[in-house]
Amino acid sequence: MSVRLVDRVAVAELVEVRRRETAALLSSDAARAALAVRGTPLLLLDVGRVTRQYLRLRRALPFVRFHYAVKALAHEAVIGALARAGCDFDVATREELDLVMRQGALPGRVLHTHPIKKISEISGAVALGVRTFVVDNEVELEKFRGAPSGVRVLVRLAYRSPHAASDLSSKFGVGAHEAERLVRHAVDLGVCVAGFSFHVGSQLDDPDRFADAVEETMALVEDLESRLPVRFSVLDIGGGFPVAYDVPVSSIEAIAERIRPSLEVAASRLDVIAEPGRILAAESMTLVTSVVGIAERDDGRWYYIDDGVYGSYSNVVAEGVHPLVFAACELRSRRDDHRWATVAGPTCDSTDVVAREVLLPDLAVGDLLASPVMAAYTSVTATRFNGRELTPIAVVDRRMVQPAASVSPPVLRRIPA
């Protein structure tokens, strides 16, 4: 069997799983009730799925302390569920800090990971009880001169990952030489450097890159401790665990298996923490939209829907995500009247295109479409362009969602030969 055929089979299997999940959700009483009351567009949030992902991460890496990256989906129901499950939090702003504290987070176990902060943001967070911050330059380090006892910083390292959806080291982080200079400067200032943090890049399907970053960071720890009057206590491995949108990716368990040997060594003497965001939230939300317009153009049928890239599909532009788009009318029974179509958003901007070459049945105005895996970096990055309201989020009770019967669907996106 060729590699290309294996890829096609794996993609088809993933699409089938996503289709079944979407069918089960949309046929549930909870989803039907929410759509009847609110109409479309509507984001359906299954909070239980976030908790299950958190527990899955804990099983895969039991010696790691997880801090949910609130920026992925800053919804109070998600924060509350994770807090009750024992998860800690990673915040980047005062607003995110206030949100997690309202849901019962312990401030002493909240990480403030934005490498650039106003002095007022630092003092405000310290006053509320936050004790761990991230820095990656001397100017930021100077802001912690004279900080209260117990306040500590992590130096952000840069590990470039050009294959990541977002190479965060292109904006933040330093190399080993600059990291040493910052540690030396912190010693002179009397600022406690507890350790190092890094982020290999968002949506990075490369277990080896995770492992390399851990090993390189531990080598730096050992080198600096051998030459400087410091003893580190924290290793923050960031986030970046990938999610399967329209193609399969390495599982949590596969990545954990690759990095576990290195992390176990680190965990024998350091507190190992991580900042997962996308991997916890992404699969918990499904976007339901309606067809509001139909046109025949030179390149075929166009369906215009009531949400787009300036709204919940903001991840299409910001991160290059290729969302699956299902017609609700064929989630349980396959139809024969398919054609390749373009799905576009509702704004008057020509760039507001959600997906091209999507295989859909003939649809009419008012028909529903659904996209699964729409929780991470969607609603939080949406805008009100053209004065449009942000898409509301309805929390659905997973206990009311029953599994759907399996139906063989068409693969919804062309796969290049």
Protein backbone atom coordinates (compact mmCIF):
# COMPACT_ATOMS: atom_id res chain seq x y z
CA MET A 1 0.00 0.00 0.00
CA SER A 2 1.45 3.39 -0.97
CA VAL A 3 2.11 6.16 1.53
CA ARG A 4 -0.32 8.36 -0.38
CA LEU A 5 -3.07 5.75 -0.08
CA VAL A 6 -2.41 5.40 3.64
CA ASP A 7 -2.75 9.19 3.94
CA ARG A 8 -6.06 9.11 2.11
CA VAL A 9 -7.37 6.33 4.32
CA ALA A 10 -6.28 8.14 7.49
CA VAL A 11 -7.90 11.39 6.36
CA ALA A 12 -11.13 9.59 5.44
CA GLU A 13 -11.20 7.89 8.84
CA LEU A 14 -10.70 11.21 10.60
CA VAL A 15 -13.47 12.86 8.59
CA GLU A 16 -15.80 9.97 9.45
CA VAL A 17 -15.07 10.37 13.16
CA ARG A 18 -15.71 14.11 12.98
CA ARG A 19 -18.91 13.55 10.99
CA ARG A 20 -20.26 11.06 13.53
CA GLU A 21 -19.45 13.39 16.42
CA THR A 22 -21.16 16.29 14.68
CA ALA A 23 -24.22 14.17 13.84
CA ALA A 24 -24.56 13.10 17.47
CA LEU A 25 -24.27 16.66 18.72
CA LEU A 26 -26.73 18.24 16.29
CA SER A 27 -29.34 15.53 16.87
CA SER A 28 -29.20 15.98 20.64
CA ASP A 29 -31.99 17.68 22.55
CA ALA A 30 -29.48 20.16 24.00
CA ALA A 31 -28.28 21.34 20.59
CA ARG A 32 -31.77 21.43 19.11
CA ALA A 33 -33.02 23.52 22.02
CA ALA A 34 -30.10 25.94 21.77
CA LEU A 35 -30.59 26.41 18.01
CA ALA A 36 -34.34 26.83 18.44
CA VAL A 37 -33.82 29.64 20.94
CA ARG A 38 -30.76 31.38 19.48
CA GLY A 39 -30.73 30.50 15.80
CA THR A 40 -27.50 30.77 13.84
CA PRO A 41 -24.66 31.38 13.85
CA LEU A 42 -24.12 29.53 17.11
CA LEU A 43 -21.16 27.88 18.80
CA LEU A 44 -22.06 24.73 20.76
CA LEU A 45 -19.68 24.14 23.67
CA ASP A 46 -19.24 20.72 25.31
CA VAL A 47 -17.33 21.57 28.49
CA GLY A 48 -16.97 17.92 29.46
CA ARG A 49 -14.75 17.35 26.48
CA VAL A 50 -12.25 19.90 27.80
CA THR A 51 -12.09 18.08 31.13
CA ARG A 52 -11.60 14.73 29.41
CA GLN A 53 -8.69 16.11 27.38
CA TYR A 54 -7.09 17.46 30.56
CA LEU A 55 -7.36 14.06 32.24
CA ARG A 56 -5.91 12.44 29.13
CA LEU A 57 -2.89 14.76 29.29
CA ARG A 58 -2.40 13.96 32.95
CA ARG A 59 -2.39 10.23 32.21
CA ALA A 60 0.14 10.68 29.41
CA LEU A 61 2.48 12.93 31.43
CA PRO A 62 1.65 12.35 35.12
CA PHE A 63 4.70 14.22 36.43
CA VAL A 64 3.84 17.47 34.59
CA ARG A 65 1.74 20.23 36.15
CA PHE A 66 -0.60 21.71 33.53
CA HIS A 67 -1.57 25.38 33.26
CA TYR A 68 -4.35 25.95 30.74
CA ALA A 69 -3.51 28.78 28.31
CA VAL A 70 -6.61 30.92 28.79
CA LYS A 71 -6.04 32.81 25.53
CA ALA A 72 -7.16 29.73 23.54
CA LEU A 73 -10.76 29.93 24.78
CA ALA A 74 -11.48 32.36 27.60
CA HIS A 75 -14.91 31.06 28.56
CA GLU A 76 -15.97 30.92 32.20
CA ALA A 77 -17.53 27.46 31.87
CA VAL A 78 -14.24 26.06 30.56
CA ILE A 79 -12.21 27.80 33.26
CA GLY A 80 -14.56 26.59 35.99
CA ALA A 81 -14.52 22.99 34.79
CA LEU A 82 -10.73 22.88 34.58
CA ALA A 83 -10.34 24.51 37.99
CA ARG A 84 -12.59 21.86 39.52
CA ALA A 85 -10.54 19.14 37.80
CA GLY A 86 -7.34 20.46 39.39
CA CYS A 87 -5.84 22.28 36.42
CA ASP A 88 -3.89 25.51 36.90
CA PHE A 89 -3.81 28.47 34.51
CA ASP A 90 -1.54 30.50 32.24
CA VAL A 91 -2.61 34.11 31.70
CA ALA A 92 -1.28 36.97 29.59
CA THR A 93 -3.41 39.90 30.80
CA ARG A 94 -5.14 41.29 33.87
CA GLU A 95 -8.47 40.47 32.26
CA GLU A 96 -7.55 36.78 31.97
CA LEU A 97 -6.28 36.79 35.55
CA ASP A 98 -9.55 38.25 36.82
CA LEU A 99 -11.47 35.60 34.87
CA VAL A 100 -9.63 32.63 36.36
CA MET A 101 -9.77 34.02 39.86
CA ARG A 102 -13.54 34.45 39.59
CA GLN A 103 -13.68 30.72 38.83
CA GLY A 104 -11.68 29.74 41.90
CA ALA A 105 -8.10 29.58 40.58
CA LEU A 106 -5.36 29.90 43.21
CA PRO A 107 -3.28 32.97 42.25
CA GLY A 108 -0.07 31.46 43.58
CA ARG A 109 -0.40 28.71 40.96
CA VAL A 110 -1.19 31.04 38.05
CA LEU A 111 1.58 31.73 35.53
CA HIS A 112 1.80 35.15 33.91
CA THR A 113 3.55 34.18 30.70
CA HIS A 114 3.47 37.30 28.54
CA PRO A 115 7.14 38.33 28.16
CA ILE A 116 6.16 42.02 27.79
CA LYS A 117 4.05 43.68 30.48
CA LYS A 118 3.27 47.12 31.81
CA ILE A 119 4.65 47.80 35.28
CA SER A 120 1.07 48.32 36.42
CA GLU A 121 0.16 44.84 35.13
CA ILE A 122 3.02 43.29 37.11
CA SER A 123 2.21 45.14 40.32
CA GLY A 124 -1.49 44.36 39.97
CA ALA A 125 -0.83 40.65 39.47
CA VAL A 126 1.61 40.54 42.38
CA ALA A 127 -0.96 42.26 44.61
CA LEU A 128 -3.46 39.54 43.72
CA GLY A 129 -0.99 36.79 44.60
CA VAL A 130 0.67 35.81 41.31
CA ARG A 131 4.30 34.89 41.89
CA THR A 132 5.67 33.48 38.61
CA PHE A 133 6.32 35.62 35.53
CA VAL A 134 8.17 35.24 32.23
CA VAL A 135 10.83 37.59 30.83
CA ASP A 136 13.05 37.56 27.75
CA ASN A 137 14.96 40.87 27.88
CA GLU A 138 16.78 43.21 30.23
CA VAL A 139 14.14 45.93 30.14
CA GLU A 140 11.51 43.47 31.37
CA LEU A 141 13.88 42.07 33.98
CA GLU A 142 14.46 45.56 35.39
CA LYS A 143 10.73 45.83 36.13
CA PHE A 144 11.20 43.16 38.82
CA ARG A 145 13.91 45.02 40.70
CA GLY A 146 12.77 45.20 44.33
CA ALA A 147 9.89 42.76 43.81
CA PRO A 148 8.41 41.22 46.99
CA SER A 149 9.91 38.04 48.37
CA GLY A 150 8.62 34.95 46.58
CA VAL A 151 8.24 36.62 43.18
CA ARG A 152 10.26 34.76 40.57
CA VAL A 153 10.83 34.83 36.83
CA LEU A 154 11.36 32.28 34.09
CA VAL A 155 13.62 33.21 31.18
CA ARG A 156 11.91 32.51 27.86
CA LEU A 157 14.09 30.59 25.39
CA ALA A 158 13.67 30.64 21.62
CA TYR A 159 13.44 27.42 19.63
CA ARG A 160 12.55 28.20 16.04
CA SER A 161 10.05 25.82 14.44
CA PRO A 162 9.24 26.96 10.89
CA HIS A 163 6.77 24.10 10.41
CA ALA A 164 4.57 25.26 13.30
CA ALA A 165 1.30 27.04 12.50
CA SER A 166 2.64 29.92 14.57
CA ASP A 167 6.37 30.07 15.27
CA LEU A 168 6.19 31.91 18.59
CA SER A 169 9.98 32.08 18.87
CA SER A 170 9.99 34.54 15.99
CA LYS A 171 8.57 37.14 18.39
CA PHE A 172 9.65 36.03 21.87
CA GLY A 173 12.55 34.21 23.48
CA VAL A 174 16.35 34.31 23.52
CA GLY A 175 19.22 32.00 22.70
CA ALA A 176 21.51 30.33 25.22
CA HIS A 177 24.12 33.14 25.23
CA GLU A 178 21.55 35.87 25.88
CA ALA A 179 19.82 33.66 28.47
CA GLU A 180 23.06 33.43 30.41
CA ARG A 181 23.44 37.23 30.28
CA LEU A 182 19.92 37.66 31.64
CA VAL A 183 20.54 35.20 34.48
CA ARG A 184 23.73 37.04 35.41
CA HIS A 185 21.91 40.36 35.35
CA ALA A 186 19.10 38.94 37.51
CA VAL A 187 21.65 37.81 40.09
CA ASP A 188 23.04 41.36 40.19
CA LEU A 189 19.52 42.80 40.58
CA GLY A 190 18.54 40.32 43.27
CA VAL A 191 15.76 38.93 41.11
CA CYS A 192 15.03 35.20 41.49
CA VAL A 193 15.32 33.25 38.23
CA ALA A 194 13.48 30.01 38.93
CA GLY A 195 14.20 28.42 35.56
CA PHE A 196 13.37 28.53 31.89
CA SER A 197 10.34 28.40 29.65
CA PHE A 198 9.95 27.78 25.95
CA HIS A 199 7.27 27.24 23.34
CA VAL A 200 8.18 25.13 20.32
CA GLY A 201 5.37 26.65 18.24
CA SER A 202 1.64 26.35 17.93
CA GLN A 203 0.11 23.31 16.22
CA LEU A 204 3.52 21.64 15.79
CA ASP A 205 3.25 18.01 14.69
CA ASP A 206 6.89 17.14 15.40
CA PRO A 207 7.53 15.08 18.56
CA ASP A 208 11.29 15.21 17.96
CA ARG A 209 11.27 19.02 18.18
CA PHE A 210 9.61 18.84 21.58
CA ALA A 211 12.23 16.36 22.80
CA ASP A 212 15.14 18.36 21.38
CA ALA A 213 13.94 21.52 23.13
CA VAL A 214 13.71 19.73 26.47
CA GLU A 215 17.18 18.25 26.11
CA GLU A 216 18.77 21.52 25.00
CA THR A 217 17.15 23.38 27.90
CA MET A 218 18.34 20.83 30.43
CA ALA A 219 21.86 21.09 29.03
CA LEU A 220 21.68 24.86 29.55
CA VAL A 221 20.44 24.37 33.12
CA GLU A 222 23.35 22.10 33.97
CA ASP A 223 25.88 24.39 32.29
CA LEU A 224 24.76 27.56 34.06
CA GLU A 225 24.46 25.87 37.44
CA SER A 226 28.04 24.64 37.10
CA ARG A 227 29.36 28.16 36.47
CA LEU A 228 27.01 30.59 38.23
CA PRO A 229 25.74 30.95 41.81
CA VAL A 230 22.25 29.77 40.85
CA ARG A 231 20.07 26.73 41.35
CA PHE A 232 17.03 26.36 39.11
CA SER A 233 13.76 24.74 40.14
CA VAL A 234 11.30 25.04 37.20
CA LEU A 235 11.15 23.84 33.60
CA ASP A 236 8.20 25.16 31.58
CA ILE A 237 7.78 23.24 28.31
CA GLY A 238 5.01 25.51 26.99
CA GLY A 239 2.31 24.18 24.70
CA GLY A 240 1.96 23.57 20.98
CA PHE A 241 0.48 20.06 21.06
CA PRO A 242 -1.28 19.61 17.70
CA VAL A 243 -4.97 19.05 16.98
CA ALA A 244 -6.42 17.09 14.04
CA TYR A 245 -8.57 19.54 12.09
CA ASP A 246 -8.79 18.02 8.61
CA VAL A 247 -5.73 15.72 8.66
CA PRO A 248 -4.43 13.33 11.33
CA VAL A 249 -1.64 14.47 13.67
CA SER A 250 0.52 12.83 16.31
CA SER A 251 -1.55 11.92 19.34
CA ILE A 252 -0.96 13.20 22.84
CA GLU A 253 0.25 9.74 23.75
CA ALA A 254 2.73 9.61 20.84
CA ILE A 255 4.27 12.95 21.77
CA ALA A 256 4.37 11.96 25.43
CA GLU A 257 6.15 8.71 24.60
CA ARG A 258 8.83 10.63 22.69
CA ILE A 259 9.48 13.29 25.33
CA ARG A 260 8.89 11.22 28.47
CA PRO A 261 12.48 9.95 28.85
CA SER A 262 13.88 13.50 28.76
CA LEU A 263 11.16 14.88 30.99
CA GLU A 264 11.56 12.15 33.57
CA VAL A 265 15.20 13.16 33.98
CA ALA A 266 14.16 16.79 34.34
CA ALA A 267 11.35 15.94 36.76
CA SER A 268 13.78 14.18 39.07
CA ARG A 269 15.09 17.58 40.15
CA LEU A 270 12.83 20.30 38.65
CA ASP A 271 9.13 21.11 38.74
CA VAL A 272 8.02 20.47 35.16
CA ILE A 273 5.05 22.50 33.99
CA ALA A 274 3.28 23.02 30.65
CA GLU A 275 0.86 25.52 29.10
CA PRO A 276 -1.58 23.55 26.88
CA GLY A 277 -4.33 25.59 25.28
CA ARG A 278 -5.45 24.38 21.87
CA ILE A 279 -5.10 20.69 22.73
CA LEU A 280 -7.48 21.07 25.68
CA ALA A 281 -10.09 23.30 24.10
CA ALA A 282 -10.20 22.80 20.33
CA GLU A 283 -12.49 19.79 20.02
CA SER A 284 -15.02 21.07 22.55
CA MET A 285 -16.90 23.47 20.28
CA THR A 286 -18.86 23.11 17.04
CA LEU A 287 -19.97 26.03 14.88
CA VAL A 288 -23.44 25.87 13.31
CA THR A 289 -24.25 28.32 10.50
CA SER A 290 -27.01 28.88 7.95
CA VAL A 291 -26.88 29.44 4.22
CA VAL A 292 -27.95 33.04 3.57
CA GLY A 293 -27.12 33.28 -0.13
CA ILE A 294 -26.27 31.17 -3.19
CA ALA A 295 -24.56 32.18 -6.42
CA GLU A 296 -23.22 30.49 -9.54
CA ARG A 297 -19.82 31.92 -10.49
CA ASP A 298 -17.11 31.08 -13.01
CA ASP A 299 -15.54 28.62 -10.55
CA GLY A 300 -18.83 26.98 -9.57
CA ARG A 301 -21.40 27.17 -6.78
CA TRP A 302 -20.88 29.61 -3.90
CA TYR A 303 -22.70 29.34 -0.58
CA TYR A 304 -22.71 32.41 1.65
CA ILE A 305 -23.18 31.69 5.35
CA ASP A 306 -23.80 33.83 8.44
CA ASP A 307 -20.32 33.52 9.99
CA GLY A 308 -16.92 33.94 8.39
CA VAL A 309 -13.23 34.72 8.74
CA TYR A 310 -13.92 38.01 10.49
CA GLY A 311 -15.91 36.03 13.04
CA SER A 312 -15.60 32.49 14.39
CA TYR A 313 -13.63 31.30 11.35
CA SER A 314 -10.86 33.78 12.21
CA ASN A 315 -8.51 30.80 12.56
CA VAL A 316 -8.65 30.29 8.78
CA VAL A 317 -6.75 33.53 8.19
CA ALA A 318 -4.73 33.79 11.41
CA GLU A 319 -3.49 30.20 11.52
CA GLY A 320 -4.19 28.60 8.15
CA VAL A 321 -6.70 26.18 9.65
CA HIS A 322 -8.80 24.19 7.15
CA PRO A 323 -12.08 23.56 8.94
CA LEU A 324 -14.31 20.69 7.94
CA VAL A 325 -17.71 21.85 6.72
CA PHE A 326 -20.63 19.42 6.91
CA ALA A 327 -24.15 19.89 5.59
CA ALA A 328 -26.49 19.09 8.46
CA CYS A 329 -28.99 17.50 6.07
CA GLU A 330 -26.65 14.59 5.28
CA LEU A 331 -24.97 13.96 8.59
CA ARG A 332 -27.04 10.78 9.08
CA SER A 333 -27.80 9.73 5.51
CA ARG A 334 -25.68 10.30 2.44
CA ARG A 335 -27.12 12.16 -0.54
CA ASP A 336 -26.12 11.80 -4.19
CA ASP A 337 -26.39 15.41 -5.41
CA HIS A 338 -22.89 16.56 -4.43
CA ARG A 339 -20.85 19.27 -6.11
CA TRP A 340 -17.63 21.10 -5.33
CA ALA A 341 -18.50 24.44 -3.78
CA THR A 342 -16.97 27.50 -2.14
CA VAL A 343 -18.18 28.53 1.31
CA ALA A 344 -17.93 32.26 2.01
CA GLY A 345 -18.66 34.47 5.00
CA PRO A 346 -21.30 37.19 5.32
CA THR A 347 -19.20 40.37 5.16
CA CYS A 348 -18.71 42.61 2.14
CA ASP A 349 -14.97 41.82 2.01
CA SER A 350 -13.86 39.54 -0.84
CA THR A 351 -11.28 37.86 1.43
CA ASP A 352 -14.06 36.50 3.64
CA VAL A 353 -13.86 32.96 2.26
CA VAL A 354 -14.07 30.05 4.70
CA ALA A 355 -13.27 27.11 2.40
CA ARG A 356 -12.89 26.26 -1.26
CA GLU A 357 -13.49 22.97 -3.04
CA VAL A 358 -15.80 21.57 -0.38
CA LEU A 359 -17.98 18.67 -1.50
CA LEU A 360 -21.55 19.52 -0.49
CA PRO A 361 -25.07 18.51 -1.56
CA ASP A 362 -27.36 21.01 -3.23
CA LEU A 363 -28.40 23.42 -0.49
CA ALA A 364 -31.07 26.08 -0.14
CA VAL A 365 -31.18 29.32 1.80
CA GLY A 366 -31.76 28.46 5.46
CA ASP A 367 -30.03 25.05 5.36
CA LEU A 368 -27.60 24.39 8.21
CA LEU A 369 -23.87 23.74 7.99
CA ALA A 370 -21.62 22.62 10.83
CA SER A 371 -17.88 22.76 11.50
CA PRO A 372 -16.41 20.72 14.37
CA VAL A 373 -13.16 21.48 16.26
CA MET A 374 -13.95 25.17 16.48
CA ALA A 375 -13.11 26.14 20.08
CA ALA A 376 -9.47 27.26 19.99
CA TYR A 377 -8.53 30.70 18.67
CA THR A 378 -11.93 31.26 17.04
CA SER A 379 -14.32 33.27 19.19
CA VAL A 380 -11.42 34.87 21.08
CA THR A 381 -9.96 36.32 17.87
CA ALA A 382 -13.27 37.22 16.22
CA THR A 383 -14.07 40.83 15.28
CA ARG A 384 -17.19 42.92 14.78
CA PHE A 385 -16.30 43.92 11.24
CA ASN A 386 -19.28 45.39 9.35
CA GLY A 387 -20.89 45.88 12.77
CA ARG A 388 -21.77 42.21 13.05
CA GLU A 389 -22.38 40.75 16.51
CA LEU A 390 -19.99 38.16 17.86
CA THR A 391 -21.31 34.62 17.55
CA PRO A 392 -22.88 33.50 20.86
CA ILE A 393 -21.73 30.37 22.69
CA ALA A 394 -24.25 27.88 24.08
CA VAL A 395 -23.06 25.32 26.63
CA VAL A 396 -24.56 21.91 25.92
CA ASP A 397 -24.82 19.01 28.35
CA ARG A 398 -22.78 16.11 26.99
CA ARG A 399 -25.00 13.65 28.86
CA MET A 400 -27.80 14.56 26.45
CA VAL A 401 -25.71 13.74 23.37
CA GLN A 402 -26.04 10.15 22.14
CA PRO A 403 -23.60 8.49 19.69
CA ALA A 404 -24.71 8.53 16.07
CA ALA A 405 -24.84 5.51 13.81
CA SER A 406 -21.93 5.13 11.41
CA VAL A 407 -22.56 6.16 7.81
CA SER A 408 -19.86 6.14 5.13
CA PRO A 409 -19.49 9.74 4.00
CA PRO A 410 -17.68 11.26 1.06
CA VAL A 411 -14.30 12.79 1.88
CA LEU A 412 -15.23 16.44 2.14
CA ARG A 413 -12.06 18.02 0.78
CA ARG A 414 -10.01 17.20 -2.27
CA ILE A 415 -6.68 15.58 -1.46
CA PRO A 416 -3.96 16.41 -3.98
CA ALA A 417 -2.60 13.41 -5.82
